[in-house]
Each structure stands twice: as structure tokens, then as C-alpha cells.
Amino acid sequence: MAAGTMQVVLCGAGPVGRAVIRLLGELPCTVFWLDRRPSIFPEELAGNIHPVAGGVEQMCNLPANACWLVMTDDDLLDFDWIEQILLRGDARFIGLLGCRGKLASFNLRLINRVPLGCIASIHCPLGIEGINSRQPSIMAISIVAQLMQQLKPD
């Protein structure tokens, strides 16, 4: 991978996920976009966006040292993704769409299931501090801005 690029795995193709994808399609990154509903992916995507139908069973096909964004339409799926990402242990960044309460709930369930200390690596709420909108496009700008802070040469 060239300096200045990164690999992103985005789990979920809901309104915020689609807004994030539109922005990432213009940026120096390779994106693996997962959702269990293959029909939800748009027909036209930027060349750096690779749709993948499926869920956590695809984990072995996804890159190491990636930035992970978890924002599915189901908290149970989000939990499965987060657990598997933490168990895998090679994420560059882990972002979870949700509130502090969701993170606290996940923490309680993860505490004896993943290596000690790795739970603290989850960024939730996702996005840069001070932008507290529910509008998908505004949320996407905030999330991608936070993600771009990870953009450094390897």
C-alpha cells in the first residue's frame, strides 16, 4: 500500500454507512464495505470501494492493520463485529456508531471474552467531539474526519 493510504472495513450499509462511503470514495483509501443484504449496495461505486456480502464469517478475508467502522442495523451484529475485531487483535482503529450507553453495555459483555485492555481501543461515540447531529451526512463528515486522523504513512 502506498504511503498516505489506508484500508478501511465498514460494517453496515444503512444511511450513515452510505454517507460515509460517498466520502471515502473520494479519499486515498481502499474500503471493504460489508453488509449481509447484498441488494442494499448501490450499483455504481467509486473504484476504491469493494462491496462484500456477508458478516463476521468474512473476517478471514479482510485486511490486517485496517481501520474498522461498525455501524450495522442491529446491535447484536455490532457486538459480534466488535468482539471478532478485538479477538483478531490487528486493528489500526475501531469505531462503533452509538452512544456511551451502548459502549458500556458492550464493555460488560466483552470483559471476560477478549484480551484485557483491548476494549479501551473502541472509539464510541464515533466521530470528532463537538459534532452531535443525527443527520447521516453530518455524522459521516464527523466520522471521516476522525478516521482521517489515522492517515499516516505505515
C-alpha atoms as a PDB file:
ATOM      1  CA  MET A   1       0.000   0.000   0.000  1.00  0.00           C
ATOM      2  CA  ALA A   2       1.336   3.433  -0.903  1.00  0.00           C
ATOM      3  CA  ALA A   3       2.216   5.926   1.798  1.00  0.00           C
ATOM      4  CA  GLY A   4      -0.748   8.114   2.671  1.00  0.00           C
ATOM      5  CA  THR A   5      -3.362   5.439   2.004  1.00  0.00           C
ATOM      6  CA  MET A   6      -5.141   3.158   4.400  1.00  0.00           C
ATOM      7  CA  GLN A   7      -7.519   0.232   4.381  1.00  0.00           C
ATOM      8  CA  VAL A   8     -10.963   0.660   5.858  1.00  0.00           C
ATOM      9  CA  VAL A   9     -13.535  -2.011   6.674  1.00  0.00           C
ATOM     10  CA  LEU A  10     -17.024  -0.563   7.015  1.00  0.00           C
ATOM     11  CA  CYS A  11     -19.623  -2.915   8.502  1.00  0.00           C
ATOM     12  CA  GLY A  12     -23.133  -1.771   7.631  1.00  0.00           C
ATOM     13  CA  ALA A  13     -24.888  -0.174   4.679  1.00  0.00           C
ATOM     14  CA  GLY A  14     -27.538   1.887   6.432  1.00  0.00           C
ATOM     15  CA  PRO A  15     -27.980   5.648   5.970  1.00  0.00           C
ATOM     16  CA  VAL A  16     -24.812   6.617   7.865  1.00  0.00           C
ATOM     17  CA  GLY A  17     -22.763   3.867   6.207  1.00  0.00           C
ATOM     18  CA  ARG A  18     -23.872   5.014   2.751  1.00  0.00           C
ATOM     19  CA  ALA A  19     -23.000   8.622   3.599  1.00  0.00           C
ATOM     20  CA  VAL A  20     -19.555   7.543   4.852  1.00  0.00           C
ATOM     21  CA  ILE A  21     -18.976   5.524   1.664  1.00  0.00           C
ATOM     22  CA  ARG A  22     -19.728   8.555  -0.524  1.00  0.00           C
ATOM     23  CA  LEU A  23     -16.971  10.486   1.257  1.00  0.00           C
ATOM     24  CA  LEU A  24     -14.463   7.628   1.378  1.00  0.00           C
ATOM     25  CA  GLY A  25     -14.906   7.121  -2.362  1.00  0.00           C
ATOM     26  CA  GLU A  26     -13.066  10.420  -2.864  1.00  0.00           C
ATOM     27  CA  LEU A  27     -10.207   9.742  -0.442  1.00  0.00           C
ATOM     28  CA  PRO A  28      -6.878   7.843  -0.555  1.00  0.00           C
ATOM     29  CA  CYS A  29      -8.070   4.582   0.941  1.00  0.00           C
ATOM     30  CA  THR A  30      -9.272   1.132  -0.003  1.00  0.00           C
ATOM     31  CA  VAL A  31     -12.640   0.277   1.505  1.00  0.00           C
ATOM     32  CA  PHE A  32     -14.171  -3.132   2.080  1.00  0.00           C
ATOM     33  CA  TRP A  33     -17.877  -2.466   2.629  1.00  0.00           C
ATOM     34  CA  LEU A  34     -19.807  -5.289   4.273  1.00  0.00           C
ATOM     35  CA  ASP A  35     -23.478  -5.897   4.745  1.00  0.00           C
ATOM     36  CA  ARG A  36     -25.476  -9.103   4.982  1.00  0.00           C
ATOM     37  CA  ARG A  37     -28.005  -7.676   2.479  1.00  0.00           C
ATOM     38  CA  PRO A  38     -26.296  -7.709  -0.949  1.00  0.00           C
ATOM     39  CA  SER A  39     -29.198  -5.886  -2.618  1.00  0.00           C
ATOM     40  CA  ILE A  40     -28.570  -2.780  -0.481  1.00  0.00           C
ATOM     41  CA  PHE A  41     -25.298  -1.877  -2.226  1.00  0.00           C
ATOM     42  CA  PRO A  42     -25.613   0.748  -4.982  1.00  0.00           C
ATOM     43  CA  GLU A  43     -24.763  -0.422  -8.499  1.00  0.00           C
ATOM     44  CA  GLU A  44     -22.272   2.403  -9.049  1.00  0.00           C
ATOM     45  CA  LEU A  45     -19.424   2.758  -6.568  1.00  0.00           C
ATOM     46  CA  ALA A  46     -16.070   4.511  -6.636  1.00  0.00           C
ATOM     47  CA  GLY A  47     -13.180   2.289  -7.723  1.00  0.00           C
ATOM     48  CA  ASN A  48     -11.708   2.126  -4.215  1.00  0.00           C
ATOM     49  CA  ILE A  49     -14.930   0.724  -2.688  1.00  0.00           C
ATOM     50  CA  HIS A  50     -15.297  -3.086  -2.647  1.00  0.00           C
ATOM     51  CA  PRO A  51     -18.738  -4.349  -1.541  1.00  0.00           C
ATOM     52  CA  VAL A  52     -18.738  -7.683   0.285  1.00  0.00           C
ATOM     53  CA  ALA A  53     -21.992  -9.512   1.024  1.00  0.00           C
ATOM     54  CA  GLY A  54     -21.886 -11.150   4.421  1.00  0.00           C
ATOM     55  CA  GLY A  55     -20.990 -10.683   8.030  1.00  0.00           C
ATOM     56  CA  VAL A  56     -18.370 -11.812  10.531  1.00  0.00           C
ATOM     57  CA  GLU A  57     -17.841 -15.030   8.583  1.00  0.00           C
ATOM     58  CA  GLN A  58     -15.914 -12.814   6.129  1.00  0.00           C
ATOM     59  CA  MET A  59     -13.382 -11.829   8.829  1.00  0.00           C
ATOM     60  CA  CYS A  60     -10.596 -14.029   7.438  1.00  0.00           C
ATOM     61  CA  ASN A  61     -10.917 -12.293   4.043  1.00  0.00           C
ATOM     62  CA  LEU A  62     -10.364  -8.794   5.437  1.00  0.00           C
ATOM     63  CA  PRO A  63      -7.037  -6.987   5.756  1.00  0.00           C
ATOM     64  CA  ALA A  64      -4.832  -6.637   8.818  1.00  0.00           C
ATOM     65  CA  ASN A  65      -3.995  -3.164  10.133  1.00  0.00           C
ATOM     66  CA  ALA A  66      -7.322  -1.821   8.866  1.00  0.00           C
ATOM     67  CA  CYS A  67      -9.490   0.919  10.277  1.00  0.00           C
ATOM     68  CA  TRP A  68     -12.811  -0.650  11.240  1.00  0.00           C
ATOM     69  CA  LEU A  69     -16.120   1.219  11.289  1.00  0.00           C
ATOM     70  CA  VAL A  70     -19.002  -0.780  12.786  1.00  0.00           C
ATOM     71  CA  MET A  71     -22.472   0.610  12.053  1.00  0.00           C
ATOM     72  CA  THR A  72     -24.869  -2.175  11.160  1.00  0.00           C
ATOM     73  CA  ASP A  73     -28.639  -2.047  11.552  1.00  0.00           C
ATOM     74  CA  ASP A  74     -28.543  -4.371  14.580  1.00  0.00           C
ATOM     75  CA  ASP A  75     -26.816  -4.024  17.973  1.00  0.00           C
ATOM     76  CA  LEU A  76     -26.285  -7.806  18.141  1.00  0.00           C
ATOM     77  CA  LEU A  77     -24.434  -7.699  14.818  1.00  0.00           C
ATOM     78  CA  ASP A  78     -22.440  -4.709  16.006  1.00  0.00           C
ATOM     79  CA  PHE A  79     -21.454  -6.672  19.121  1.00  0.00           C
ATOM     80  CA  ASP A  80     -20.411  -9.704  17.035  1.00  0.00           C
ATOM     81  CA  TRP A  81     -18.247  -7.494  14.816  1.00  0.00           C
ATOM     82  CA  ILE A  82     -16.633  -5.699  17.749  1.00  0.00           C
ATOM     83  CA  GLU A  83     -15.920  -8.963  19.563  1.00  0.00           C
ATOM     84  CA  GLN A  84     -14.343 -10.549  16.484  1.00  0.00           C
ATOM     85  CA  ILE A  85     -12.275  -7.442  15.683  1.00  0.00           C
ATOM     86  CA  LEU A  86     -10.931  -7.367  19.248  1.00  0.00           C
ATOM     87  CA  LEU A  87     -10.185 -11.104  19.234  1.00  0.00           C
ATOM     88  CA  ARG A  88      -8.383 -10.736  15.928  1.00  0.00           C
ATOM     89  CA  GLY A  89      -6.159  -8.120  17.567  1.00  0.00           C
ATOM     90  CA  ASP A  90      -4.744  -6.381  14.499  1.00  0.00           C
ATOM     91  CA  ALA A  91      -6.969  -3.318  14.016  1.00  0.00           C
ATOM     92  CA  ARG A  92      -5.421   0.084  13.406  1.00  0.00           C
ATOM     93  CA  PHE A  93      -8.631   1.832  14.549  1.00  0.00           C
ATOM     94  CA  ILE A  94     -12.002   0.580  15.821  1.00  0.00           C
ATOM     95  CA  GLY A  95     -15.021   2.858  15.594  1.00  0.00           C
ATOM     96  CA  LEU A  96     -18.507   1.964  16.787  1.00  0.00           C
ATOM     97  CA  LEU A  97     -21.561   4.022  15.888  1.00  0.00           C
ATOM     98  CA  GLY A  98     -23.582   4.534  19.029  1.00  0.00           C
ATOM     99  CA  CYS A  99     -23.726   6.269  22.373  1.00  0.00           C
ATOM    100  CA  ARG A 100     -21.757   5.850  25.582  1.00  0.00           C
ATOM    101  CA  GLY A 101     -24.547   3.616  26.934  1.00  0.00           C
ATOM    102  CA  LYS A 102     -24.122   1.200  24.035  1.00  0.00           C
ATOM    103  CA  LEU A 103     -20.380   1.092  24.638  1.00  0.00           C
ATOM    104  CA  ALA A 104     -20.915   0.485  28.377  1.00  0.00           C
ATOM    105  CA  SER A 105     -23.277  -2.391  27.582  1.00  0.00           C
ATOM    106  CA  PHE A 106     -20.739  -3.890  25.163  1.00  0.00           C
ATOM    107  CA  ASN A 107     -17.946  -3.462  27.736  1.00  0.00           C
ATOM    108  CA  LEU A 108     -19.860  -5.506  30.316  1.00  0.00           C
ATOM    109  CA  ARG A 109     -20.382  -8.325  27.827  1.00  0.00           C
ATOM    110  CA  LEU A 110     -16.822  -8.212  26.453  1.00  0.00           C
ATOM    111  CA  ILE A 111     -14.933  -8.041  29.742  1.00  0.00           C
ATOM    112  CA  ASN A 112     -14.308 -11.812  30.028  1.00  0.00           C
ATOM    113  CA  ARG A 113     -14.364 -12.581  26.312  1.00  0.00           C
ATOM    114  CA  VAL A 114     -11.492 -10.531  24.879  1.00  0.00           C
ATOM    115  CA  PRO A 115      -7.918  -9.794  25.985  1.00  0.00           C
ATOM    116  CA  LEU A 116      -7.683  -7.428  28.931  1.00  0.00           C
ATOM    117  CA  GLY A 117      -7.213  -3.800  27.930  1.00  0.00           C
ATOM    118  CA  CYS A 118      -8.276  -4.026  24.299  1.00  0.00           C
ATOM    119  CA  ILE A 119     -11.819  -2.781  24.982  1.00  0.00           C
ATOM    120  CA  ALA A 120     -10.386   0.691  25.593  1.00  0.00           C
ATOM    121  CA  SER A 121      -9.382   0.848  21.911  1.00  0.00           C
ATOM    122  CA  ILE A 122     -13.026   1.210  20.791  1.00  0.00           C
ATOM    123  CA  HIS A 123     -13.945   4.735  19.705  1.00  0.00           C
ATOM    124  CA  CYS A 124     -17.584   5.284  20.669  1.00  0.00           C
ATOM    125  CA  PRO A 125     -19.365   7.565  20.194  1.00  0.00           C
ATOM    126  CA  LEU A 126     -17.813   7.695  16.758  1.00  0.00           C
ATOM    127  CA  GLY A 127     -16.844  10.990  15.156  1.00  0.00           C
ATOM    128  CA  ILE A 128     -14.989  14.087  16.239  1.00  0.00           C
ATOM    129  CA  GLU A 129     -16.015  15.634  19.509  1.00  0.00           C
ATOM    130  CA  GLY A 130     -18.444  18.545  19.413  1.00  0.00           C
ATOM    131  CA  ILE A 131     -20.463  17.451  16.364  1.00  0.00           C
ATOM    132  CA  ASN A 132     -23.651  15.964  17.774  1.00  0.00           C
ATOM    133  CA  SER A 133     -26.000  15.644  14.807  1.00  0.00           C
ATOM    134  CA  ARG A 134     -28.290  12.740  13.872  1.00  0.00           C
ATOM    135  CA  GLN A 135     -28.261  13.719  10.191  1.00  0.00           C
ATOM    136  CA  PRO A 136     -26.393  10.966   8.270  1.00  0.00           C
ATOM    137  CA  SER A 137     -24.367  13.340   6.082  1.00  0.00           C
ATOM    138  CA  ILE A 138     -23.192  15.397   9.073  1.00  0.00           C
ATOM    139  CA  MET A 139     -22.419  12.247  11.048  1.00  0.00           C
ATOM    140  CA  ALA A 140     -20.434  10.943   8.059  1.00  0.00           C
ATOM    141  CA  ILE A 141     -18.328  14.117   7.840  1.00  0.00           C
ATOM    142  CA  SER A 142     -17.518  13.834  11.549  1.00  0.00           C
ATOM    143  CA  ILE A 143     -16.691  10.112  11.302  1.00  0.00           C
ATOM    144  CA  VAL A 144     -14.499  10.505   8.227  1.00  0.00           C
ATOM    145  CA  ALA A 145     -12.700  13.467   9.831  1.00  0.00           C
ATOM    146  CA  GLN A 146     -11.878  11.262  12.833  1.00  0.00           C
ATOM    147  CA  LEU A 147     -10.797   8.470  10.521  1.00  0.00           C
ATOM    148  CA  MET A 148      -8.517  10.778   8.531  1.00  0.00           C
ATOM    149  CA  GLN A 149      -6.624  11.497  11.736  1.00  0.00           C
ATOM    150  CA  GLN A 150      -5.342   7.920  11.302  1.00  0.00           C
ATOM    151  CA  LEU A 151      -3.964   8.704   7.840  1.00  0.00           C
ATOM    152  CA  LYS A 152      -0.222   8.406   8.341  1.00  0.00           C
ATOM    153  CA  PRO A 153       2.412   6.553   6.366  1.00  0.00           C
ATOM    154  CA  ASP A 154       2.867   2.994   7.665  1.00  0.00           C
END
